[in-house]
């Protein structure tokens, strides 16, 4: 359900121009059109939609549907309907009553990779001693037409454009500029099939899974990197620090079913608060890292159905006293001091069994 409210301060009969940008996830229903001997499926998509209406009478309405290719198998005809290349035009419709709609279905060929991130967990660790450490856990799936039968890597490499038209091998990750210590690995170990390009505006990481992904296949991996502290941590006029990062998934044009962001604040931080521009679930928890004593306050942000339009900055505010930075060095100094005292005491002890 979509709730759109207009300003009540309008005189009777006044005109208002309103633009709505709805985004639909998993509205395409993939199905297999052709299955070769190697079971490399070419997929098509059935898109079920409605000619949207509203709670008020619509004087005039028109809707355009643009498909990736001009191979449209079938589509629902609702007068007036017009087709030109990759574009379908429904309308103009006049004087539509409130809450009225007409269901339509468009069946077309689509071999584009359906990259769906089923779960993304991003862990951000802030340390005022150095850089910002970010680790991202991905569980990714090809959401296209399901692959059936056997798979031959030899035949796939011989004719990838024919035997793997709907598969994909590479993914492009958009990272912030000045990233360092970038790694890409999975449960087996480090994956060397990646390439990093950096400049002063952004960084691009091209990654390649261990195997090509067909419809229904899944893969899990981890991407980690470091960022300079001065690029992400700032101080507000009231003396608080705040983290400024981009929300959403760094993959290009990707839907995320479940996104979880965990921001581990420095030990001793107080008054944590997150500022996100859209509804999300937020709560606090305790995490422990190296040399932590009382644990770090961690701000957890969760959101379902994340689209590329959610890739906007969000902030996490917290209060932190610089004196707390001395806790870990003092703990190390104390530990070494006690260790050397124990060594000195041991060297000066006489443990021999001699006669009195």
Protein backbone atom coordinates (compact mmCIF):
# COMPACT_ATOMS: atom_id res chain seq x y z
CA UNK A 1 0.00 0.00 0.00
CA UNK A 2 1.32 3.43 -0.93
CA UNK A 3 0.34 6.50 1.09
CA UNK A 4 0.71 9.82 -0.72
CA UNK A 5 -0.42 12.98 1.04
CA UNK A 6 -0.73 16.39 -0.56
CA UNK A 7 -0.53 19.70 1.21
CA UNK A 8 -3.93 20.64 2.67
CA UNK A 9 -3.30 24.33 2.01
CA UNK A 10 -4.79 24.34 -1.48
CA UNK A 11 -7.86 26.15 -2.62
CA UNK A 12 -10.72 24.30 -4.22
CA UNK A 13 -10.11 23.55 -7.90
CA UNK A 14 -6.34 24.14 -7.74
CA UNK A 15 -4.03 21.94 -9.83
CA UNK A 16 -1.11 19.97 -8.34
CA UNK A 17 1.70 18.18 -10.20
CA UNK A 18 2.95 15.12 -8.33
CA UNK A 19 5.63 12.65 -9.44
CA UNK A 20 5.62 9.17 -7.91
CA UNK A 21 8.57 6.80 -8.37
CA UNK A 22 7.53 3.30 -7.24
CA UNK A 23 10.10 0.48 -7.42
CA UNK A 24 8.99 -3.13 -7.69
CA UNK A 25 11.15 -6.08 -6.68
CA UNK A 26 10.65 -9.64 -7.95
CA UNK A 27 7.84 -8.60 -10.28
CA UNK A 28 9.42 -10.53 -13.17
CA UNK A 29 8.55 -14.23 -13.36
CA UNK A 30 11.30 -16.13 -15.26
CA UNK A 31 10.44 -19.17 -17.35
CA UNK A 32 12.47 -21.41 -19.67
CA UNK A 33 11.93 -20.91 -23.40
CA UNK A 34 14.64 -23.07 -24.96
CA UNK A 35 16.77 -25.85 -23.48
CA UNK A 36 19.82 -27.00 -25.41
CA UNK A 37 21.60 -30.34 -25.07
CA UNK A 38 23.86 -28.79 -22.46
CA UNK A 39 20.87 -27.40 -20.58
CA UNK A 40 22.02 -23.82 -20.96
CA UNK A 41 18.66 -22.13 -20.71
CA UNK A 42 17.63 -19.01 -22.51
CA UNK A 43 15.16 -17.26 -20.31
CA UNK A 44 12.15 -15.10 -20.82
CA UNK A 45 10.26 -12.99 -18.35
CA UNK A 46 6.59 -12.56 -17.70
CA UNK A 47 5.83 -9.20 -16.18
CA UNK A 48 2.46 -8.94 -14.46
CA UNK A 49 1.36 -5.42 -13.67
CA UNK A 50 -1.70 -3.30 -13.22
CA UNK A 51 -2.65 -0.08 -14.87
CA UNK A 52 -2.41 1.79 -11.62
CA UNK A 53 -5.17 3.92 -10.30
CA UNK A 54 -5.63 6.03 -7.20
CA UNK A 55 -8.19 6.85 -4.57
CA UNK A 56 -9.42 9.79 -6.65
CA UNK A 57 -10.89 10.05 -10.11
CA UNK A 58 -8.25 10.21 -12.85
CA UNK A 59 -9.04 12.55 -15.71
CA UNK A 60 -6.27 11.32 -18.03
CA UNK A 61 -3.70 8.50 -17.74
CA UNK A 62 -0.99 6.93 -19.91
CA UNK A 63 1.57 4.18 -19.17
CA UNK A 64 4.71 3.10 -21.06
CA UNK A 65 6.48 -0.27 -20.66
CA UNK A 66 9.99 -0.59 -22.12
CA UNK A 67 11.42 -4.11 -22.44
CA UNK A 68 15.15 -4.99 -22.72
CA UNK A 69 14.68 -6.48 -26.21
CA UNK A 70 12.15 -6.21 -29.02
CA UNK A 71 11.36 -9.96 -28.79
CA UNK A 72 7.97 -9.66 -27.15
CA UNK A 73 6.15 -12.99 -27.24
CA UNK A 74 2.77 -11.71 -26.12
CA UNK A 75 1.13 -8.91 -24.18
CA UNK A 76 -2.30 -8.01 -22.91
CA UNK A 77 -4.22 -5.68 -25.15
CA UNK A 78 -6.33 -3.06 -23.44
CA UNK A 79 -7.73 -0.50 -25.83
CA UNK A 80 -6.00 1.69 -26.69
CA UNK A 81 -2.66 -0.21 -26.89
CA UNK A 82 0.27 0.49 -29.20
CA UNK A 83 3.59 -1.37 -29.72
CA UNK A 84 6.70 0.19 -31.26
CA UNK A 85 9.99 -1.72 -30.99
CA UNK A 86 10.78 -2.28 -27.32
CA UNK A 87 8.04 0.04 -26.07
CA UNK A 88 4.42 -0.68 -25.23
CA UNK A 89 2.01 2.19 -24.79
CA UNK A 90 -1.21 1.86 -22.81
CA UNK A 91 -3.51 4.84 -23.04
CA UNK A 92 -4.65 7.51 -23.11
CA UNK A 93 -7.36 6.55 -20.63
CA UNK A 94 -9.95 9.11 -19.64
CA UNK A 95 -12.23 9.53 -16.64
CA UNK A 96 -11.17 6.46 -14.67
CA UNK A 97 -13.10 5.98 -11.41
CA UNK A 98 -11.26 5.65 -8.08
CA UNK A 99 -9.59 2.29 -7.27
CA UNK A 100 -10.16 0.96 -10.77
CA UNK A 101 -7.48 -1.14 -12.47
CA UNK A 102 -6.91 -3.47 -15.42
CA UNK A 103 -4.40 -6.34 -14.98
CA UNK A 104 -1.91 -6.75 -17.82
CA UNK A 105 0.83 -9.29 -18.61
CA UNK A 106 3.87 -8.86 -20.88
CA UNK A 107 5.88 -11.91 -22.01
CA UNK A 108 9.30 -11.11 -23.52
CA UNK A 109 12.79 -12.56 -23.87
CA UNK A 110 15.34 -11.33 -21.35
CA UNK A 111 18.81 -12.87 -21.07
CA UNK A 112 20.16 -10.22 -18.72
CA UNK A 113 21.63 -11.62 -15.49
CA UNK A 114 19.20 -11.41 -12.58
CA UNK A 115 21.64 -10.66 -9.76
CA UNK A 116 19.84 -10.89 -6.42
CA UNK A 117 21.62 -10.51 -3.08
CA UNK A 118 19.59 -12.65 -0.71
CA UNK A 119 21.50 -11.41 2.33
CA UNK A 120 24.14 -8.74 2.86
CA UNK A 121 25.75 -8.13 6.25
CA UNK A 122 28.12 -5.15 6.43
CA UNK A 123 30.31 -4.83 9.51
CA UNK A 124 31.92 -1.43 10.10
CA UNK A 125 34.53 -1.10 12.84
CA UNK A 126 35.58 2.39 13.90
CA UNK A 127 38.94 2.96 15.57
CA UNK A 128 40.17 6.48 16.26
CA UNK A 129 43.71 5.12 16.21
CA UNK A 130 43.69 4.36 12.51
CA UNK A 131 41.45 3.55 9.57
CA UNK A 132 37.89 2.36 9.17
CA UNK A 133 37.59 -1.40 8.70
CA UNK A 134 34.66 -2.67 6.60
CA UNK A 135 33.76 -6.29 5.98
CA UNK A 136 30.81 -7.34 3.80
CA UNK A 137 29.31 -10.85 3.78
CA UNK A 138 27.33 -11.69 0.64
CA UNK A 139 24.90 -14.48 -0.16
CA UNK A 140 24.13 -14.00 -3.84
CA UNK A 141 21.78 -15.78 -6.23
CA UNK A 142 21.02 -15.78 -9.94
CA UNK A 143 17.29 -15.05 -9.96
CA UNK A 144 16.69 -15.90 -13.63
CA UNK A 145 15.20 -19.00 -15.25
CA UNK A 146 16.25 -22.14 -13.38
CA UNK A 147 19.07 -24.14 -14.95
CA UNK A 148 18.12 -27.76 -15.62
CA UNK A 149 20.24 -30.75 -16.53
CA UNK A 150 24.02 -31.13 -16.47
CA UNK A 151 26.71 -28.49 -16.88
CA UNK A 152 29.87 -28.84 -18.97
CA UNK A 153 32.57 -26.27 -18.26
CA UNK A 154 34.40 -27.30 -21.44
CA UNK A 155 31.43 -26.56 -23.69
CA UNK A 156 30.66 -23.41 -21.74
CA UNK A 157 34.17 -22.03 -22.26
CA UNK A 158 34.09 -23.00 -25.93
CA UNK A 159 30.84 -21.10 -26.66
CA UNK A 160 29.90 -18.94 -23.67
CA UNK A 161 27.64 -16.65 -25.73
CA UNK A 162 25.54 -19.64 -26.81
CA UNK A 163 25.71 -22.08 -23.91
CA UNK A 164 25.66 -19.41 -21.23
CA UNK A 165 23.61 -16.55 -22.65
CA UNK A 166 21.74 -15.98 -19.40
CA UNK A 167 24.68 -16.66 -17.04
CA UNK A 168 27.21 -14.21 -15.66
CA UNK A 169 30.81 -14.50 -14.52
CA UNK A 170 31.80 -11.00 -13.42
CA UNK A 171 30.38 -8.46 -11.01
CA UNK A 172 31.25 -4.80 -10.64
CA UNK A 173 31.51 -3.33 -7.13
CA UNK A 174 31.49 0.44 -6.62
CA UNK A 175 33.68 1.33 -3.62
CA UNK A 176 34.58 4.70 -2.09
CA UNK A 177 37.81 6.41 -3.20
CA UNK A 178 41.11 5.83 -1.40
CA UNK A 179 40.30 2.26 -0.37
CA UNK A 180 43.17 0.06 0.77
CA UNK A 181 43.82 -3.50 1.94
CA UNK A 182 41.07 -4.85 -0.32
CA UNK A 183 40.47 -8.60 -0.19
CA UNK A 184 37.96 -10.98 -1.77
CA UNK A 185 37.57 -14.50 -0.39
CA UNK A 186 35.15 -17.26 0.53
CA UNK A 187 35.14 -20.28 2.84
CA UNK A 188 37.87 -22.01 0.82
CA UNK A 189 40.27 -19.08 0.94
CA UNK A 190 41.39 -16.10 -1.09
CA UNK A 191 39.95 -15.66 -4.61
CA UNK A 192 42.50 -14.18 -6.98
CA UNK A 193 40.12 -13.43 -9.87
CA UNK A 194 39.57 -9.76 -9.04
CA UNK A 195 40.84 -6.43 -10.30
CA UNK A 196 40.82 -3.07 -8.50
CA UNK A 197 40.81 0.35 -10.17
CA UNK A 198 41.05 3.47 -8.02
CA UNK A 199 41.02 7.21 -8.62
CA UNK A 200 40.15 10.34 -6.67
CA UNK A 201 36.39 10.00 -7.30
CA UNK A 202 35.62 6.31 -6.78
CA UNK A 203 37.05 2.82 -6.81
CA UNK A 204 35.84 -0.10 -8.90
CA UNK A 205 36.40 -3.72 -7.99
CA UNK A 206 35.74 -6.36 -10.63
CA UNK A 207 35.23 -9.77 -9.06
CA UNK A 208 34.71 -13.16 -10.65
CA UNK A 209 33.20 -16.08 -8.70
CA UNK A 210 34.85 -19.47 -8.80
CA UNK A 211 32.21 -20.69 -11.27
CA UNK A 212 29.69 -19.07 -13.65
CA UNK A 213 26.23 -18.55 -12.23
CA UNK A 214 23.12 -19.85 -13.99
CA UNK A 215 19.51 -19.45 -12.95
CA UNK A 216 18.95 -20.65 -9.39
CA UNK A 217 22.67 -21.04 -8.58
CA UNK A 218 24.05 -19.39 -5.44
CA UNK A 219 27.43 -18.22 -4.19
CA UNK A 220 28.72 -16.81 -0.89
CA UNK A 221 31.81 -14.64 -0.44
CA UNK A 222 33.34 -11.85 1.64
CA UNK A 223 34.71 -8.47 0.54
CA UNK A 224 36.79 -6.40 2.95
CA UNK A 225 38.61 -3.09 2.73
CA UNK A 226 39.87 -0.13 4.75
CA UNK A 227 39.10 3.57 4.47
CA UNK A 228 40.95 6.59 5.86
CA UNK A 229 39.31 7.84 9.03
CA UNK A 230 39.20 11.45 7.81
CA UNK A 231 37.04 10.43 4.83
CA UNK A 232 34.24 8.95 6.96
CA UNK A 233 34.37 10.36 10.51
CA UNK A 234 33.46 14.00 11.10
CA UNK A 235 32.75 16.21 14.10
CA UNK A 236 29.41 17.97 14.48
CA UNK A 237 29.05 21.51 15.92
CA UNK A 238 27.81 20.11 19.25
CA UNK A 239 31.03 18.13 19.74
CA UNK A 240 29.70 14.73 18.69
CA UNK A 241 31.38 12.51 16.14
CA UNK A 242 29.42 10.98 13.29
CA UNK A 243 30.04 8.36 10.66
CA UNK A 244 28.95 9.20 7.11
CA UNK A 245 28.70 6.24 4.72
CA UNK A 246 26.57 5.19 1.78
CA UNK A 247 23.61 2.93 2.48
CA UNK A 248 22.63 0.09 0.17
CA UNK A 249 24.58 -2.40 -1.92
CA UNK A 250 27.74 -1.41 -3.82
CA UNK A 251 26.85 -3.74 -6.71
CA UNK A 252 25.48 -2.03 -9.82
CA UNK A 253 21.70 -2.39 -10.33
CA UNK A 254 21.17 -5.09 -7.72
CA UNK A 255 18.21 -5.95 -5.50
CA UNK A 256 18.97 -6.87 -1.88
CA UNK A 257 16.39 -8.95 -0.05
CA UNK A 258 17.87 -8.34 3.41
CA UNK A 259 20.52 -5.78 4.37
CA UNK A 260 22.09 -5.56 7.83
CA UNK A 261 24.61 -2.87 8.76
CA UNK A 262 26.54 -3.22 12.02
CA UNK A 263 28.55 -0.18 13.11
CA UNK A 264 30.91 -1.01 16.00
CA UNK A 265 31.73 2.26 17.76
CA UNK A 266 34.99 2.82 19.68
CA UNK A 267 35.06 1.39 23.17
CA UNK A 268 33.76 3.98 25.62
CA UNK A 269 31.37 5.67 23.16
CA UNK A 270 28.11 7.08 24.48
CA UNK A 271 24.76 8.33 23.13
CA UNK A 272 24.73 6.39 19.83
CA UNK A 273 22.05 7.34 17.30
CA UNK A 274 21.54 6.52 13.62
CA UNK A 275 20.04 8.89 11.04
CA UNK A 276 18.55 7.06 8.04
CA UNK A 277 16.36 8.77 5.43
CA UNK A 278 13.86 5.90 5.13
CA UNK A 279 12.14 3.44 7.49
CA UNK A 280 14.42 0.79 8.96
CA UNK A 281 14.79 -1.40 12.04
CA UNK A 282 17.43 -0.20 14.52
CA UNK A 283 18.74 -1.55 17.80
CA UNK A 284 21.94 -1.73 19.88
CA UNK A 285 24.13 -4.68 20.83
CA UNK A 286 27.56 -5.39 22.33
CA UNK A 287 30.49 -6.76 20.33
CA UNK A 288 34.08 -7.54 21.28
CA UNK A 289 37.21 -7.01 19.23
CA UNK A 290 40.94 -7.07 19.91
CA UNK A 291 41.99 -5.76 23.35
CA UNK A 292 38.43 -4.78 24.27
CA UNK A 293 37.57 -4.80 27.98
CA UNK A 294 33.92 -3.77 28.34
CA UNK A 295 32.93 -4.29 24.70
CA UNK A 296 31.91 -1.97 21.91
CA UNK A 297 28.48 -0.44 21.48
CA UNK A 298 27.24 -1.57 18.07
CA UNK A 299 24.45 0.13 16.14
CA UNK A 300 22.52 -2.37 14.01
CA UNK A 301 20.39 -1.19 11.07
CA UNK A 302 18.22 -3.65 9.14
CA UNK A 303 16.12 -3.15 6.03
CA UNK A 304 14.29 -5.39 3.57
CA UNK A 305 13.97 -4.92 -0.21
CA UNK A 306 16.86 -2.53 -0.81
CA UNK A 307 17.11 -1.08 -4.33
CA UNK A 308 19.84 1.10 -5.93
CA UNK A 309 17.86 4.23 -5.07
CA UNK A 310 18.65 3.53 -1.40
CA UNK A 311 22.35 4.18 -2.02
CA UNK A 312 22.34 7.51 -0.22
CA UNK A 313 24.43 8.57 2.79
CA UNK A 314 23.39 7.74 6.33
CA UNK A 315 24.92 8.89 9.62
CA UNK A 316 25.68 7.33 12.99
CA UNK A 317 26.25 9.87 15.79
CA UNK A 318 28.11 9.14 19.02
CA UNK A 319 29.98 10.88 21.83
CA UNK A 320 33.56 9.85 22.46
CA UNK A 321 36.22 11.22 24.80
CA UNK A 322 39.81 11.09 23.49
CA UNK A 323 40.96 9.98 26.94
CA UNK A 324 39.32 6.61 26.24
CA UNK A 325 41.91 6.03 23.54
CA UNK A 326 44.50 5.50 26.28
CA UNK A 327 42.72 2.44 27.69
CA UNK A 328 44.24 -0.08 25.29
CA UNK A 329 47.84 1.30 25.42
CA UNK A 330 47.69 1.41 29.22
CA UNK A 331 46.43 -2.16 29.28
CA UNK A 332 49.33 -3.27 27.06
CA UNK A 333 51.87 -1.34 29.14
CA UNK A 334 50.48 -2.84 32.34
CA UNK A 335 50.54 -6.36 30.89
CA UNK A 336 54.18 -6.02 29.74
CA UNK A 337 55.17 -4.44 33.06
CA UNK A 338 53.66 -7.31 35.04
CA UNK A 339 55.29 -9.82 32.69
CA UNK A 340 58.76 -8.31 33.15
CA UNK A 341 58.22 -8.06 36.91
CA UNK A 342 57.37 -11.75 36.95
CA UNK A 343 60.51 -12.53 34.92
CA UNK A 344 62.72 -10.49 37.27
CA UNK A 345 61.19 -12.15 40.32
CA UNK A 346 61.72 -15.57 38.77
CA UNK A 347 65.40 -14.87 38.00
CA UNK A 348 66.06 -13.72 41.56
CA UNK A 349 64.38 -16.68 43.19
CA UNK A 350 66.53 -19.51 44.46
CA UNK A 351 64.65 -22.73 43.89
CA UNK A 352 67.59 -25.08 44.49
CA UNK A 353 67.28 -27.80 47.14
CA UNK A 354 70.44 -27.10 49.15
CA UNK A 355 71.30 -27.69 52.84
CA UNK A 356 70.45 -24.94 55.24
